[in-house]
């Protein structure tokens, strides 16, 4: 049995991760915007999937397929694929290409849902859909080509003897760091929620409305993460079927280590564990093991997940207190910071034949921060100039459910109304 034959089984699981993330984002926002958040997750995923099929896969491509490249120092630098739009020209029997397109479509949708957590309760539905189209149609496939499609990052091993080249088995950089950096761009462009910061600049606590939804989302996320990590490793990272149990174990224990690390930190600092931060730690552990899940020992996966979990509450606090960034879903701390750490952890702890793997991973991190983030910010800034992305003040006072959808998520119950929102 070849790896390609079992990949569809795991690709089918990926929507569970998207559903889990949508539930986490919904539970961490207030009840008056819960239906809006869930619908936004569905619409953003659908828009991203269509944009990816329209042009994303044409620009992502596969290794050894037509692409645009130029030479630097006698070495080929492969920048973007040259495939047909709308998947035209793919032979019916080319199962590898179709599965790569299927995996890429789900992965692009996954990445597009991540910024919703940072823009919760103030990001217009139509604007979030257009932003997701830009992410899935332009930014995601560009970096995916460099990392997964035989681009210049993947070629660092062949061209410059830097290990296997850039390695990202489950999309820590392609999906999570890209989506997390998009979340950072949106948090800056949208600004904080009304009432989040007082006159003295101190943030107010705005708790989510349902820890049950958040923790249920964690369980679903694990199932979906197993799918994306295993499918990506087999189809795009050169892993074999014998690696599947290792990938599954590493993914699971990294999540466990991340959650327990947060529980330990919050209990030590505040006297009691924090459920929402523990959920963020769980997801941060999943993100942290994604890049090197097929090439790590279980001990390394535990360490990687624990570091991500330990850092998460401090990152949330730092972003909120020092930088004035309002991120209700913790998307930046979990996906951007966790994804960047995952990329580096793969080079530091992964088992590779060449000792310079970490250099290739560091170049990937520099590319994400130095090129992808400015591109994401610029595209969304331009979009904001064309159509305002932030909802009107009345929408924030009333709740996004009633303002944009005309009905609340919980019509039989009175939703909580904050006095601070009168400001």
Protein backbone atom coordinates (compact mmCIF):
# COMPACT_ATOMS: atom_id res chain seq x y z
CA UNK A 1 0.00 0.00 0.00
CA UNK A 2 1.41 3.37 -1.02
CA UNK A 3 1.01 6.53 1.08
CA UNK A 4 -1.14 8.11 -1.63
CA UNK A 5 -3.76 5.37 -1.21
CA UNK A 6 -4.48 6.22 2.45
CA UNK A 7 -4.19 10.01 2.24
CA UNK A 8 -7.93 10.57 1.42
CA UNK A 9 -8.89 8.92 4.72
CA UNK A 10 -7.02 11.61 6.61
CA UNK A 11 -7.94 14.56 4.40
CA UNK A 12 -11.59 13.86 5.23
CA UNK A 13 -10.80 14.58 8.90
CA UNK A 14 -9.48 18.11 8.33
CA UNK A 15 -12.91 19.87 8.51
CA UNK A 16 -13.11 18.71 12.12
CA UNK A 17 -10.17 21.00 12.89
CA UNK A 18 -11.94 23.90 11.19
CA UNK A 19 -15.15 23.14 13.12
CA UNK A 20 -13.21 22.92 16.36
CA UNK A 21 -11.52 26.24 15.76
CA UNK A 22 -14.87 27.86 14.91
CA UNK A 23 -16.36 26.57 18.17
CA UNK A 24 -13.39 27.85 20.15
CA UNK A 25 -13.69 31.29 18.57
CA UNK A 26 -17.44 31.30 19.21
CA UNK A 27 -17.14 30.26 22.84
CA UNK A 28 -14.52 32.94 23.49
CA UNK A 29 -16.73 35.76 22.18
CA UNK A 30 -19.86 37.08 23.86
CA UNK A 31 -23.26 35.48 23.36
CA UNK A 32 -24.64 38.37 21.33
CA UNK A 33 -22.14 37.64 18.54
CA UNK A 34 -22.10 33.82 18.69
CA UNK A 35 -24.24 33.10 15.62
CA UNK A 36 -22.32 35.69 13.62
CA UNK A 37 -19.02 34.03 14.54
CA UNK A 38 -20.19 30.56 13.52
CA UNK A 39 -21.68 31.80 10.26
CA UNK A 40 -18.50 33.77 9.55
CA UNK A 41 -16.49 30.58 9.98
CA UNK A 42 -18.69 28.78 7.46
CA UNK A 43 -18.68 31.65 4.95
CA UNK A 44 -14.95 32.29 5.24
CA UNK A 45 -14.15 28.62 4.76
CA UNK A 46 -16.42 28.43 1.72
CA UNK A 47 -15.00 31.61 0.18
CA UNK A 48 -11.43 30.48 0.75
CA UNK A 49 -12.13 27.10 -0.83
CA UNK A 50 -13.57 28.71 -3.95
CA UNK A 51 -10.71 31.21 -4.23
CA UNK A 52 -8.17 28.42 -3.86
CA UNK A 53 -9.79 26.29 -6.56
CA UNK A 54 -10.09 29.31 -8.84
CA UNK A 55 -6.44 30.38 -8.72
CA UNK A 56 -4.73 29.22 -5.53
CA UNK A 57 -3.72 25.75 -6.66
CA UNK A 58 -2.52 27.13 -9.98
CA UNK A 59 0.01 29.21 -8.06
CA UNK A 60 0.83 26.57 -5.44
CA UNK A 61 1.38 23.62 -7.75
CA UNK A 62 3.44 20.54 -7.00
CA UNK A 63 7.12 19.72 -7.07
CA UNK A 64 8.42 18.82 -10.54
CA UNK A 65 5.47 20.55 -12.20
CA UNK A 66 5.66 23.70 -14.43
CA UNK A 67 6.73 26.80 -12.51
CA UNK A 68 8.36 30.19 -12.96
CA UNK A 69 11.97 30.35 -11.75
CA UNK A 70 15.11 32.37 -12.24
CA UNK A 71 18.75 31.76 -11.43
CA UNK A 72 20.74 33.43 -8.65
CA UNK A 73 24.39 32.46 -8.39
CA UNK A 74 23.80 29.62 -10.78
CA UNK A 75 21.06 28.14 -8.55
CA UNK A 76 17.39 27.94 -9.61
CA UNK A 77 14.94 29.92 -7.47
CA UNK A 78 11.45 28.60 -8.03
CA UNK A 79 8.98 31.37 -7.16
CA UNK A 80 5.50 30.46 -8.34
CA UNK A 81 3.77 27.58 -10.10
CA UNK A 82 2.42 27.89 -13.61
CA UNK A 83 -0.69 25.74 -13.45
CA UNK A 84 -4.10 26.34 -15.06
CA UNK A 85 -6.89 28.13 -13.19
CA UNK A 86 -9.96 26.24 -11.91
CA UNK A 87 -7.96 22.96 -11.92
CA UNK A 88 -8.26 22.78 -15.68
CA UNK A 89 -5.88 20.41 -17.39
CA UNK A 90 -5.46 18.01 -14.47
CA UNK A 91 -5.70 14.49 -15.77
CA UNK A 92 -8.41 12.39 -14.15
CA UNK A 93 -5.88 9.67 -13.34
CA UNK A 94 -3.44 12.13 -11.71
CA UNK A 95 -4.55 11.23 -8.20
CA UNK A 96 -1.59 12.88 -6.50
CA UNK A 97 -2.39 16.28 -8.01
CA UNK A 98 -6.08 15.99 -7.15
CA UNK A 99 -5.31 15.01 -3.57
CA UNK A 100 -2.82 17.86 -3.25
CA UNK A 101 -5.51 20.25 -4.51
CA UNK A 102 -8.03 18.77 -2.06
CA UNK A 103 -5.59 19.07 0.84
CA UNK A 104 -4.67 22.59 -0.23
CA UNK A 105 -8.33 23.64 -0.47
CA UNK A 106 -9.05 22.49 3.09
CA UNK A 107 -5.77 23.97 4.33
CA UNK A 108 -6.51 27.36 2.77
CA UNK A 109 -9.94 27.34 4.40
CA UNK A 110 -8.34 26.38 7.71
CA UNK A 111 -5.89 29.29 7.47
CA UNK A 112 -8.70 31.69 6.59
CA UNK A 113 -10.72 30.82 9.71
CA UNK A 114 -7.82 31.65 12.05
CA UNK A 115 -8.05 35.48 11.76
CA UNK A 116 -11.72 35.41 12.77
CA UNK A 117 -10.68 34.90 16.38
CA UNK A 118 -8.69 38.13 16.36
CA UNK A 119 -11.45 40.11 14.66
CA UNK A 120 -14.28 38.74 16.79
CA UNK A 121 -17.27 40.98 17.57
CA UNK A 122 -16.22 43.81 15.24
CA UNK A 123 -15.33 42.35 11.81
CA UNK A 124 -18.04 42.68 9.18
CA UNK A 125 -19.10 39.41 7.54
CA UNK A 126 -18.70 40.65 3.96
CA UNK A 127 -15.27 42.12 4.67
CA UNK A 128 -14.04 38.92 6.32
CA UNK A 129 -15.10 36.93 3.26
CA UNK A 130 -13.24 39.21 0.86
CA UNK A 131 -10.18 39.14 3.11
CA UNK A 132 -10.29 35.34 3.12
CA UNK A 133 -10.41 35.33 -0.68
CA UNK A 134 -7.21 37.41 -0.77
CA UNK A 135 -5.57 35.08 1.73
CA UNK A 136 -6.56 31.85 -0.01
CA UNK A 137 -6.16 33.11 -3.56
CA UNK A 138 -2.87 34.99 -3.25
CA UNK A 139 -0.93 34.78 0.02
CA UNK A 140 -1.51 31.18 1.09
CA UNK A 141 -0.67 29.57 -2.29
CA UNK A 142 2.46 31.68 -2.64
CA UNK A 143 4.02 30.45 0.59
CA UNK A 144 2.53 26.98 0.07
CA UNK A 145 4.39 26.79 -3.25
CA UNK A 146 7.66 27.79 -1.62
CA UNK A 147 7.24 25.20 1.14
CA UNK A 148 5.09 22.40 -0.33
CA UNK A 149 5.14 22.90 -4.10
CA UNK A 150 8.84 22.56 -4.84
CA UNK A 151 9.58 26.27 -4.41
CA UNK A 152 12.80 27.91 -3.34
CA UNK A 153 12.34 27.19 0.39
CA UNK A 154 11.90 23.48 -0.27
CA UNK A 155 14.93 23.65 -2.58
CA UNK A 156 17.30 24.96 0.09
CA UNK A 157 18.42 21.39 0.73
CA UNK A 158 19.32 20.56 -2.86
CA UNK A 159 20.74 23.98 -3.73
CA UNK A 160 22.54 24.89 -0.51
CA UNK A 161 22.84 21.61 1.43
CA UNK A 162 20.59 22.88 4.24
CA UNK A 163 19.17 19.57 5.41
CA UNK A 164 16.04 18.51 3.52
CA UNK A 165 15.24 22.11 2.72
CA UNK A 166 12.38 23.83 4.53
CA UNK A 167 10.23 21.19 6.25
CA UNK A 168 6.61 21.77 7.23
CA UNK A 169 4.77 18.46 7.51
CA UNK A 170 1.41 19.65 8.83
CA UNK A 171 1.39 23.30 7.82
CA UNK A 172 2.75 25.08 10.91
CA UNK A 173 4.13 27.78 8.64
CA UNK A 174 1.86 27.38 5.62
CA UNK A 175 -1.42 27.26 7.56
CA UNK A 176 -0.92 28.47 11.11
CA UNK A 177 1.81 31.10 10.96
CA UNK A 178 0.25 32.52 7.79
CA UNK A 179 -3.23 32.57 9.33
CA UNK A 180 -1.87 33.88 12.63
CA UNK A 181 0.01 36.71 10.96
CA UNK A 182 -3.17 37.56 9.06
CA UNK A 183 -4.86 37.69 12.47
CA UNK A 184 -2.21 40.13 13.70
CA UNK A 185 -2.71 42.33 10.64
CA UNK A 186 -6.48 42.36 11.18
CA UNK A 187 -6.20 43.08 14.91
CA UNK A 188 -4.10 46.15 14.11
CA UNK A 189 -6.35 47.35 11.30
CA UNK A 190 -9.62 46.81 13.18
CA UNK A 191 -8.43 48.10 16.54
CA UNK A 192 -9.70 46.86 19.91
CA UNK A 193 -13.35 46.28 20.79
CA UNK A 194 -15.29 49.16 22.28
CA UNK A 195 -14.83 49.17 26.04
CA UNK A 196 -11.77 46.94 25.97
CA UNK A 197 -9.41 49.71 27.07
CA UNK A 198 -10.23 52.40 29.60
CA UNK A 199 -9.12 56.01 29.65
CA UNK A 200 -5.84 55.04 31.30
CA UNK A 201 -5.15 52.37 28.70
CA UNK A 202 -5.71 49.41 31.00
CA UNK A 203 -7.54 46.46 29.36
CA UNK A 204 -10.84 45.28 30.78
CA UNK A 205 -11.62 41.59 31.07
CA UNK A 206 -14.30 40.58 28.54
CA UNK A 207 -14.88 36.86 29.17
CA UNK A 208 -16.29 34.53 26.56
CA UNK A 209 -19.79 33.19 26.95
CA UNK A 210 -19.29 29.41 26.81
CA UNK A 211 -16.34 27.41 28.11
CA UNK A 212 -18.27 24.29 27.07
CA UNK A 213 -18.10 25.25 23.39
CA UNK A 214 -14.42 26.08 23.75
CA UNK A 215 -13.52 22.72 25.28
CA UNK A 216 -15.69 20.82 22.80
CA UNK A 217 -13.81 22.64 20.06
CA UNK A 218 -10.54 21.33 21.50
CA UNK A 219 -11.71 17.72 21.09
CA UNK A 220 -12.80 18.28 17.50
CA UNK A 221 -9.57 20.12 16.73
CA UNK A 222 -7.49 17.11 17.75
CA UNK A 223 -9.33 14.86 15.29
CA UNK A 224 -8.85 17.33 12.46
CA UNK A 225 -5.20 17.95 13.34
CA UNK A 226 -4.48 14.26 13.06
CA UNK A 227 -5.88 14.47 9.54
CA UNK A 228 -3.86 17.47 8.37
CA UNK A 229 -0.61 16.34 10.01
CA UNK A 230 -0.78 12.81 8.64
CA UNK A 231 -2.04 13.77 5.18
CA UNK A 232 0.53 16.55 4.82
CA UNK A 233 3.36 14.34 6.01
CA UNK A 234 2.52 11.51 3.62
CA UNK A 235 1.65 13.58 0.57
CA UNK A 236 4.05 16.52 0.79
CA UNK A 237 6.85 15.79 3.28
CA UNK A 238 8.06 12.38 2.13
CA UNK A 239 6.91 10.43 5.20
CA UNK A 240 6.00 6.75 4.91
CA UNK A 241 2.98 4.82 6.15
CA UNK A 242 5.06 3.41 8.99
CA UNK A 243 5.30 6.96 10.35
CA UNK A 244 1.52 7.32 10.81
CA UNK A 245 1.39 6.01 14.43
CA UNK A 246 4.33 8.24 15.38
CA UNK A 247 2.65 11.30 13.83
CA UNK A 248 -0.62 10.53 15.65
CA UNK A 249 1.11 10.05 19.00
CA UNK A 250 3.24 13.18 18.62
CA UNK A 251 0.20 15.26 17.71
CA UNK A 252 -1.81 14.02 20.68
CA UNK A 253 0.87 14.33 23.34
CA UNK A 254 1.98 17.76 22.16
CA UNK A 255 -1.59 18.99 22.68
CA UNK A 256 -1.70 17.38 26.11
CA UNK A 257 1.62 18.93 27.09
CA UNK A 258 0.50 22.36 25.89
CA UNK A 259 -2.74 22.27 27.89
CA UNK A 260 -1.08 21.01 31.07
CA UNK A 261 1.66 23.62 30.79
CA UNK A 262 -0.94 26.40 30.68
CA UNK A 263 -2.84 24.89 33.61
CA UNK A 264 0.38 24.81 35.60
CA UNK A 265 1.24 28.41 34.73
CA UNK A 266 -2.22 29.82 35.48
CA UNK A 267 -2.53 27.87 38.71
CA UNK A 268 0.87 29.10 39.88
CA UNK A 269 0.14 32.72 38.92
CA UNK A 270 -3.55 33.06 39.76
CA UNK A 271 -4.24 30.24 42.21
CA UNK A 272 -6.66 28.47 39.86
CA UNK A 273 -6.43 27.06 36.33
CA UNK A 274 -8.01 29.06 33.52
CA UNK A 275 -10.25 27.08 31.14
CA UNK A 276 -10.01 29.39 28.13
CA UNK A 277 -6.23 29.69 28.37
CA UNK A 278 -5.95 25.92 28.83
CA UNK A 279 -7.87 25.51 25.57
CA UNK A 280 -5.48 27.92 23.89
CA UNK A 281 -2.59 25.88 25.27
CA UNK A 282 -4.12 22.70 23.85
CA UNK A 283 -4.33 24.24 20.38
CA UNK A 284 -0.87 25.81 20.74
CA UNK A 285 0.51 22.33 21.40
CA UNK A 286 -1.21 21.04 18.26
CA UNK A 287 0.29 23.88 16.26
CA UNK A 288 3.74 23.42 17.79
CA UNK A 289 4.17 19.82 16.68
CA UNK A 290 2.78 20.33 13.17
CA UNK A 291 5.97 21.23 11.29
CA UNK A 292 8.09 18.30 12.46
CA UNK A 293 5.49 15.75 13.59
CA UNK A 294 6.88 12.99 11.33
CA UNK A 295 10.51 13.52 12.31
CA UNK A 296 10.36 14.03 16.09
CA UNK A 297 10.61 11.59 18.97
CA UNK A 298 7.72 11.62 21.44
CA UNK A 299 9.96 13.29 24.04
CA UNK A 300 10.71 16.09 21.59
CA UNK A 301 6.99 16.45 20.80
CA UNK A 302 6.17 16.76 24.51
CA UNK A 303 8.87 19.40 24.96
CA UNK A 304 7.74 21.31 21.89
CA UNK A 305 4.11 21.31 22.99
CA UNK A 306 4.98 22.24 26.58
CA UNK A 307 7.06 25.22 25.47
CA UNK A 308 4.20 26.46 23.27
CA UNK A 309 1.74 26.05 26.14
CA UNK A 310 4.04 27.77 28.63
CA UNK A 311 4.53 30.76 26.33
CA UNK A 312 0.84 31.17 25.40
CA UNK A 313 -0.53 32.96 28.53
CA UNK A 314 2.47 35.28 28.64
CA UNK A 315 2.07 36.07 24.94
CA UNK A 316 -1.63 36.84 25.42
CA UNK A 317 -0.80 39.15 28.31
CA UNK A 318 2.06 40.86 26.48
CA UNK A 319 0.01 41.55 23.37
CA UNK A 320 -2.90 42.89 25.39
CA UNK A 321 -1.04 44.97 27.99
CA UNK A 322 2.02 46.24 26.14
CA UNK A 323 0.89 46.45 22.52
CA UNK A 324 -2.83 47.17 22.93
CA UNK A 325 -3.81 44.27 20.66
CA UNK A 326 -7.28 42.89 21.35
CA UNK A 327 -7.34 39.25 20.27
CA UNK A 328 -10.44 37.57 21.81
CA UNK A 329 -9.65 34.14 20.36
CA UNK A 330 -5.93 34.13 21.10
CA UNK A 331 -5.24 33.55 17.40
CA UNK A 332 -1.98 35.50 17.34
CA UNK A 333 -0.49 33.85 20.42
CA UNK A 334 -1.59 30.35 19.42
CA UNK A 335 -1.18 30.29 15.64
CA UNK A 336 1.35 33.00 14.76
CA UNK A 337 3.75 32.54 17.69
CA UNK A 338 3.04 28.82 17.96
CA UNK A 339 3.50 28.33 14.22
CA UNK A 340 6.82 30.15 14.16
CA UNK A 341 8.02 28.14 17.17
CA UNK A 342 6.90 24.93 15.45
CA UNK A 343 8.93 25.72 12.36
CA UNK A 344 12.06 26.28 14.45
CA UNK A 345 11.38 23.28 16.69
CA UNK A 346 11.34 21.01 13.64
CA UNK A 347 14.90 22.10 12.86
CA UNK A 348 16.08 21.92 16.47
CA UNK A 349 14.52 18.61 17.52
CA UNK A 350 13.77 16.77 14.28
CA UNK A 351 15.84 13.80 13.17
CA UNK A 352 17.47 14.79 9.89
CA UNK A 353 20.59 13.50 8.20
CA UNK A 354 22.14 16.96 7.74
CA UNK A 355 23.00 19.17 10.74
CA UNK A 356 21.97 22.46 9.10
CA UNK A 357 18.24 21.82 8.98
CA UNK A 358 17.67 24.57 11.53
CA UNK A 359 19.13 27.13 9.11
CA UNK A 360 16.53 26.25 6.47
CA UNK A 361 13.82 26.55 9.12
CA UNK A 362 15.17 29.92 10.25
CA UNK A 363 15.04 31.19 6.67
CA UNK A 364 11.39 30.11 6.57
CA UNK A 365 10.65 32.07 9.75
CA UNK A 366 12.40 35.13 8.34
CA UNK A 367 10.35 34.84 5.15
CA UNK A 368 7.10 34.66 7.09
CA UNK A 369 7.94 37.71 9.18
CA UNK A 370 9.80 39.75 6.59
CA UNK A 371 7.67 39.13 3.50
CA UNK A 372 4.39 37.35 4.20
CA UNK A 373 3.30 39.57 7.10
CA UNK A 374 3.89 42.86 5.23
CA UNK A 375 2.04 41.40 2.25
CA UNK A 376 -0.91 40.38 4.43
CA UNK A 377 -1.03 43.76 6.12
CA UNK A 378 -0.80 45.67 2.85
CA UNK A 379 -3.60 43.68 1.18
CA UNK A 380 -5.95 44.09 4.14
CA UNK A 381 -5.05 47.77 4.56
CA UNK A 382 -5.93 48.37 0.92
CA UNK A 383 -9.16 46.43 1.35
CA UNK A 384 -10.00 48.60 4.35
CA UNK A 385 -9.54 51.69 2.20
CA UNK A 386 -12.00 50.33 -0.37
CA UNK A 387 -14.59 49.00 2.09
CA UNK A 388 -14.44 49.56 5.82
CA UNK A 389 -13.81 46.25 7.52
CA UNK A 390 -14.84 47.21 11.04
CA UNK A 391 -18.52 47.13 11.94
CA UNK A 392 -20.34 50.29 12.93
CA UNK A 393 -20.35 51.30 16.63
CA UNK A 394 -24.03 50.40 16.82
CA UNK A 395 -23.22 46.84 15.75
CA UNK A 396 -20.82 46.47 18.67
CA UNK A 397 -23.34 47.86 21.14
CA UNK A 398 -26.21 45.77 19.83
CA UNK A 399 -24.22 42.66 19.01
CA UNK A 400 -23.17 41.35 15.63
CA UNK A 401 -25.97 38.76 15.62
CA UNK A 402 -28.81 41.26 15.62
CA UNK A 403 -27.05 43.91 13.56
CA UNK A 404 -25.84 41.72 10.69
CA UNK A 405 -28.09 38.66 10.92
CA UNK A 406 -31.28 40.01 12.45
CA UNK A 407 -31.47 37.27 15.07
CA UNK A 408 -29.44 36.06 18.02
CA UNK A 409 -27.87 32.68 18.67
CA UNK A 410 -29.93 32.16 21.83
CA UNK A 411 -33.40 33.65 21.20
CA UNK A 412 -34.93 32.00 24.29
CA UNK A 413 -32.48 33.66 26.66
CA UNK A 414 -31.58 37.24 27.40
CA UNK A 415 -28.04 37.95 26.29
CA UNK A 416 -25.64 39.74 28.59
CA UNK A 417 -25.32 43.49 28.06
CA UNK A 418 -22.19 45.24 29.28
CA UNK A 419 -22.42 48.69 30.79
CA UNK A 420 -19.02 49.43 29.29
CA UNK A 421 -20.50 49.15 25.82
CA UNK A 422 -22.58 52.29 26.44
CA UNK A 423 -19.43 54.38 26.04
